[in-house]
């Protein structure tokens, strides 16, 4: 990642706190992190050194709004890699699930992925180089009960990423997707308890996989769907 300009969405979240240090350690020149909440930015600043923070640019952006995403991407000097971590989990019986919640799930998990990939890809095609890494879910390939909206929207992320990989065949651009099981974040511990957390995927571990896919070394991986299940 030495010298690369990286767009990292969801960088202030639980997984982002595992990915960001890996990007910094691997020499990323600049990391652009969009955010919605100033509180999350302040929390992130408290976890990093001044030297590391000097390589991070926080940008207020709404990833569900195309104009906002376009401005975010166009504000970068280059887009060598995009790592899209933004997403959300929800559940409920299909016959009781509200359609407006279904639409929100798709907007958050799939809509943001489309917009971020669309505009990052536009910049990458101009320079004939880029790495796109998205985050699906084990549920995308192993859907479960009461998870219809979540699993369907994450399956869409997988399909979108693989379609981009096929579109960019023959270029210096790659697109790959990781499928985590349960990530050991504070939010998941609060929701599910910490009894089995030792079996879950650590953010730092998933971060290593993601950053490899975002590196030059992964030039021959295109359309890969990488399971990162831990011991779950």
Protein backbone atom coordinates (compact mmCIF):
# COMPACT_ATOMS: atom_id res chain seq x y z
CA UNK A 1 0.00 0.00 0.00
CA UNK A 2 3.05 2.26 0.02
CA UNK A 3 2.21 5.64 -1.46
CA UNK A 4 -1.40 4.73 -2.29
CA UNK A 5 -4.40 7.03 -1.97
CA UNK A 6 -7.23 5.09 -0.32
CA UNK A 7 -10.93 5.77 0.13
CA UNK A 8 -12.10 3.96 3.26
CA UNK A 9 -15.82 4.14 3.94
CA UNK A 10 -16.97 3.08 7.40
CA UNK A 11 -13.51 3.90 8.69
CA UNK A 12 -14.81 5.25 11.99
CA UNK A 13 -16.81 2.10 12.77
CA UNK A 14 -15.88 -1.08 14.60
CA UNK A 15 -14.37 -2.79 11.56
CA UNK A 16 -12.80 0.45 10.37
CA UNK A 17 -10.84 0.68 13.60
CA UNK A 18 -9.22 -2.61 12.62
CA UNK A 19 -8.62 -1.74 8.96
CA UNK A 20 -7.26 1.79 9.38
CA UNK A 21 -4.16 0.81 11.44
CA UNK A 22 -3.30 -1.88 8.89
CA UNK A 23 -3.48 0.61 6.01
CA UNK A 24 -1.29 3.03 7.95
CA UNK A 25 1.23 0.31 8.86
CA UNK A 26 1.44 -0.76 5.22
CA UNK A 27 2.37 2.74 4.12
CA UNK A 28 -0.78 4.25 2.62
CA UNK A 29 0.05 7.85 1.72
CA UNK A 30 -3.43 9.18 2.37
CA UNK A 31 -6.69 7.72 3.67
CA UNK A 32 -9.95 9.55 3.00
CA UNK A 33 -12.66 8.60 5.50
CA UNK A 34 -16.20 9.89 4.98
CA UNK A 35 -18.32 10.32 8.10
CA UNK A 36 -21.78 11.32 9.27
CA UNK A 37 -21.15 11.80 13.00
CA UNK A 38 -18.51 14.18 14.38
CA UNK A 39 -18.51 12.13 17.58
CA UNK A 40 -17.22 9.10 15.70
CA UNK A 41 -14.42 11.18 14.22
CA UNK A 42 -13.37 12.43 17.65
CA UNK A 43 -13.35 8.86 18.96
CA UNK A 44 -11.17 7.82 16.02
CA UNK A 45 -8.77 10.69 16.62
CA UNK A 46 -8.31 9.49 20.19
CA UNK A 47 -7.05 6.12 18.94
CA UNK A 48 -4.37 7.35 16.54
CA UNK A 49 -1.10 9.24 16.84
CA UNK A 50 -0.68 12.77 15.42
CA UNK A 51 1.61 11.34 12.72
CA UNK A 52 -1.04 8.85 11.66
CA UNK A 53 -3.80 11.46 11.75
CA UNK A 54 -1.75 13.63 9.39
CA UNK A 55 -2.30 10.95 6.71
CA UNK A 56 -6.08 10.82 7.23
CA UNK A 57 -8.63 13.18 5.72
CA UNK A 58 -12.11 13.10 7.26
CA UNK A 59 -14.89 14.28 4.93
CA UNK A 60 -18.53 14.84 5.84
CA UNK A 61 -20.55 12.88 3.26
CA UNK A 62 -23.86 11.11 2.77
CA UNK A 63 -23.14 7.87 0.94
CA UNK A 64 -26.79 7.44 -0.01
CA UNK A 65 -26.68 10.69 -2.00
CA UNK A 66 -25.01 10.48 -5.41
CA UNK A 67 -23.92 14.10 -5.56
CA UNK A 68 -22.30 13.79 -2.15
CA UNK A 69 -20.47 10.63 -3.20
CA UNK A 70 -19.30 12.22 -6.46
CA UNK A 71 -17.91 15.22 -4.58
CA UNK A 72 -16.20 12.92 -2.10
CA UNK A 73 -14.46 10.92 -4.82
CA UNK A 74 -13.60 13.92 -6.99
CA UNK A 75 -12.02 15.59 -3.96
CA UNK A 76 -9.25 12.99 -3.93
CA UNK A 77 -6.05 13.45 -5.94
CA UNK A 78 -6.18 9.79 -6.98
CA UNK A 79 -8.30 6.79 -6.05
CA UNK A 80 -5.86 3.89 -5.94
CA UNK A 81 -8.08 1.77 -3.73
CA UNK A 82 -11.59 1.89 -2.34
CA UNK A 83 -12.47 -0.21 0.68
CA UNK A 84 -16.20 -0.06 1.34
CA UNK A 85 -17.06 -1.12 4.89
CA UNK A 86 -20.37 0.72 5.29
CA UNK A 87 -23.33 -1.54 5.97
CA UNK A 88 -25.83 -2.57 8.58
CA UNK A 89 -27.49 -5.61 10.10
CA UNK A 90 -31.18 -6.15 10.76
CA UNK A 91 -33.51 -9.10 11.18
CA UNK A 92 -37.13 -10.10 11.45
CA UNK A 93 -39.65 -12.62 10.08
CA UNK A 94 -40.24 -12.05 6.38
CA UNK A 95 -44.04 -12.00 6.71
CA UNK A 96 -43.79 -9.22 9.31
CA UNK A 97 -40.94 -7.24 7.79
CA UNK A 98 -41.85 -3.67 6.85
CA UNK A 99 -41.20 -2.75 3.25
CA UNK A 100 -39.74 0.62 4.18
CA UNK A 101 -37.20 -1.19 6.41
CA UNK A 102 -36.42 -3.56 3.52
CA UNK A 103 -35.72 -0.53 1.33
CA UNK A 104 -33.52 1.05 4.02
CA UNK A 105 -31.51 -2.17 4.28
CA UNK A 106 -30.93 -2.20 0.53
CA UNK A 107 -30.05 1.49 0.46
CA UNK A 108 -27.49 1.04 3.24
CA UNK A 109 -25.92 -2.25 2.18
CA UNK A 110 -26.27 -2.22 -1.60
CA UNK A 111 -27.09 1.36 -2.58
CA UNK A 112 -24.02 2.86 -0.91
CA UNK A 113 -21.85 0.13 -2.40
CA UNK A 114 -23.12 0.92 -5.89
CA UNK A 115 -22.57 4.68 -5.59
CA UNK A 116 -19.11 4.40 -4.04
CA UNK A 117 -17.99 1.79 -6.58
CA UNK A 118 -19.52 3.69 -9.52
CA UNK A 119 -17.66 6.92 -8.88
CA UNK A 120 -14.43 5.31 -7.67
CA UNK A 121 -14.41 3.13 -10.79
CA UNK A 122 -14.82 6.22 -12.95
CA UNK A 123 -11.61 7.66 -11.50
CA UNK A 124 -9.77 4.33 -11.65
CA UNK A 125 -10.55 3.89 -15.35
CA UNK A 126 -8.94 7.27 -16.03
CA UNK A 127 -5.66 6.04 -14.49
CA UNK A 128 -6.01 2.35 -15.48
CA UNK A 129 -5.32 1.24 -11.93
CA UNK A 130 -7.41 0.52 -8.88
CA UNK A 131 -8.47 -1.92 -6.22
CA UNK A 132 -12.10 -2.27 -5.14
CA UNK A 133 -12.82 -4.25 -1.99
CA UNK A 134 -16.37 -4.66 -0.70
CA UNK A 135 -17.82 -6.43 2.33
CA UNK A 136 -20.57 -8.97 1.89
CA UNK A 137 -21.51 -11.48 4.55
CA UNK A 138 -21.57 -15.20 5.13
CA UNK A 139 -25.34 -14.73 4.95
CA UNK A 140 -24.97 -13.74 1.29
CA UNK A 141 -24.14 -17.35 0.41
CA UNK A 142 -25.70 -19.09 3.43
CA UNK A 143 -28.93 -17.15 4.07
CA UNK A 144 -30.73 -17.80 7.33
CA UNK A 145 -34.18 -17.44 8.82
CA UNK A 146 -35.34 -13.92 9.69
CA UNK A 147 -32.45 -12.46 7.71
CA UNK A 148 -34.07 -12.07 4.30
CA UNK A 149 -33.37 -8.36 3.79
CA UNK A 150 -29.86 -8.51 5.18
CA UNK A 151 -28.86 -11.62 3.24
CA UNK A 152 -30.48 -10.48 0.00
CA UNK A 153 -28.84 -7.06 0.11
CA UNK A 154 -25.44 -8.58 0.89
CA UNK A 155 -25.91 -11.10 -1.92
CA UNK A 156 -26.42 -8.06 -4.13
CA UNK A 157 -23.06 -6.70 -2.96
CA UNK A 158 -21.41 -9.95 -4.05
CA UNK A 159 -23.11 -9.87 -7.47
CA UNK A 160 -22.26 -6.20 -8.00
CA UNK A 161 -18.61 -6.73 -7.12
CA UNK A 162 -18.25 -9.72 -9.40
CA UNK A 163 -19.95 -7.83 -12.24
CA UNK A 164 -17.43 -4.99 -11.83
CA UNK A 165 -14.60 -7.53 -11.86
CA UNK A 166 -15.85 -8.86 -15.18
CA UNK A 167 -16.29 -5.36 -16.62
CA UNK A 168 -12.69 -4.44 -15.72
CA UNK A 169 -11.08 -7.59 -17.08
CA UNK A 170 -8.01 -6.63 -19.10
CA UNK A 171 -7.37 -3.44 -17.10
CA UNK A 172 -5.25 -2.65 -14.05
CA UNK A 173 -8.38 -2.62 -11.89
CA UNK A 174 -9.58 -5.46 -9.68
CA UNK A 175 -12.73 -5.98 -7.62
CA UNK A 176 -13.12 -8.53 -4.83
CA UNK A 177 -15.44 -9.11 -1.89
CA UNK A 178 -14.92 -10.57 1.58
CA UNK A 179 -17.56 -12.56 3.45
CA UNK A 180 -17.13 -12.24 7.22
CA UNK A 181 -19.16 -14.24 9.69
CA UNK A 182 -19.53 -12.43 13.04
CA UNK A 183 -17.00 -9.63 13.56
CA UNK A 184 -15.80 -9.02 17.09
CA UNK A 185 -16.89 -5.39 17.42
CA UNK A 186 -18.22 -3.55 20.49
CA UNK A 187 -21.62 -3.35 18.77
CA UNK A 188 -21.83 -7.10 18.23
CA UNK A 189 -20.71 -7.80 21.78
CA UNK A 190 -23.41 -5.47 23.08
CA UNK A 191 -26.06 -7.14 20.91
CA UNK A 192 -25.07 -10.78 21.36
CA UNK A 193 -22.96 -10.93 24.49
CA UNK A 194 -19.27 -11.76 24.62
CA UNK A 195 -19.42 -15.45 25.59
CA UNK A 196 -18.44 -16.69 22.12
CA UNK A 197 -16.45 -13.65 21.02
CA UNK A 198 -13.19 -15.61 21.00
CA UNK A 199 -14.57 -17.56 18.02
CA UNK A 200 -15.52 -14.48 16.05
CA UNK A 201 -13.40 -12.70 13.43
CA UNK A 202 -11.18 -9.98 14.87
CA UNK A 203 -11.34 -6.64 13.00
CA UNK A 204 -7.55 -6.62 12.71
CA UNK A 205 -7.55 -10.10 11.15
CA UNK A 206 -10.22 -9.17 8.62
CA UNK A 207 -8.31 -5.95 8.03
CA UNK A 208 -5.25 -7.92 6.93
CA UNK A 209 -7.30 -9.82 4.35
CA UNK A 210 -8.97 -6.65 3.10
CA UNK A 211 -5.70 -4.74 2.82
CA UNK A 212 -4.09 -7.56 0.88
CA UNK A 213 -6.93 -7.44 -1.64
CA UNK A 214 -6.44 -3.66 -1.84
CA UNK A 215 -2.71 -3.99 -2.54
CA UNK A 216 -0.69 -4.36 -5.72
CA UNK A 217 0.13 -7.92 -4.68
CA UNK A 218 -3.49 -8.97 -5.34
CA UNK A 219 -3.30 -8.05 -9.04
CA UNK A 220 -4.36 -11.53 -10.15
CA UNK A 221 -7.42 -11.80 -7.89
CA UNK A 222 -10.53 -10.68 -9.74
CA UNK A 223 -14.07 -11.39 -8.65
CA UNK A 224 -12.91 -13.43 -5.66
CA UNK A 225 -15.47 -14.11 -2.92
CA UNK A 226 -13.32 -14.64 0.15
CA UNK A 227 -14.84 -16.34 3.21
CA UNK A 228 -13.46 -15.01 6.52
CA UNK A 229 -15.42 -17.04 9.04
CA UNK A 230 -13.10 -17.38 12.03
CA UNK A 231 -14.27 -20.36 14.10
CA UNK A 232 -17.97 -19.67 13.71
